[in-house]
Amino acid sequence: MSDTPNPAHSDPDAPHQPSPLFLVAPDIDNHTLLEYACVSLASANVMASDFARSLNGVQGNTLLGIQQSIMLGEMAVNRVLDNLDPH
């Protein structure tokens, strides 16, 4: 790791600079990005749901709430995909 401070940490008004470690190729089209987001959200939805079943009480209920938020995000992305490419 670098000892150089991140400028965003010293100036709260500085624009966010994404880490160069993981970047999305700038030439990927929006439809492909949305499809990838949909698949990622669907996977996170299943993982959260499965994990929530192994928890009891408040922790399980909290994870089910998180799972529901993931599901709503997945539904929103699917709607955008449908709007972009109606059947």
Foldseek 3Di string as FASTA:
>chain_A
DDPDDDVCVVDVPDDDDDDPPDDDPPPDDPLVVLVVLLVVLVVVLVVLQVVLVVDDDPVSVVSVVVSVVSVVVSVVSVVVNCVVPPD
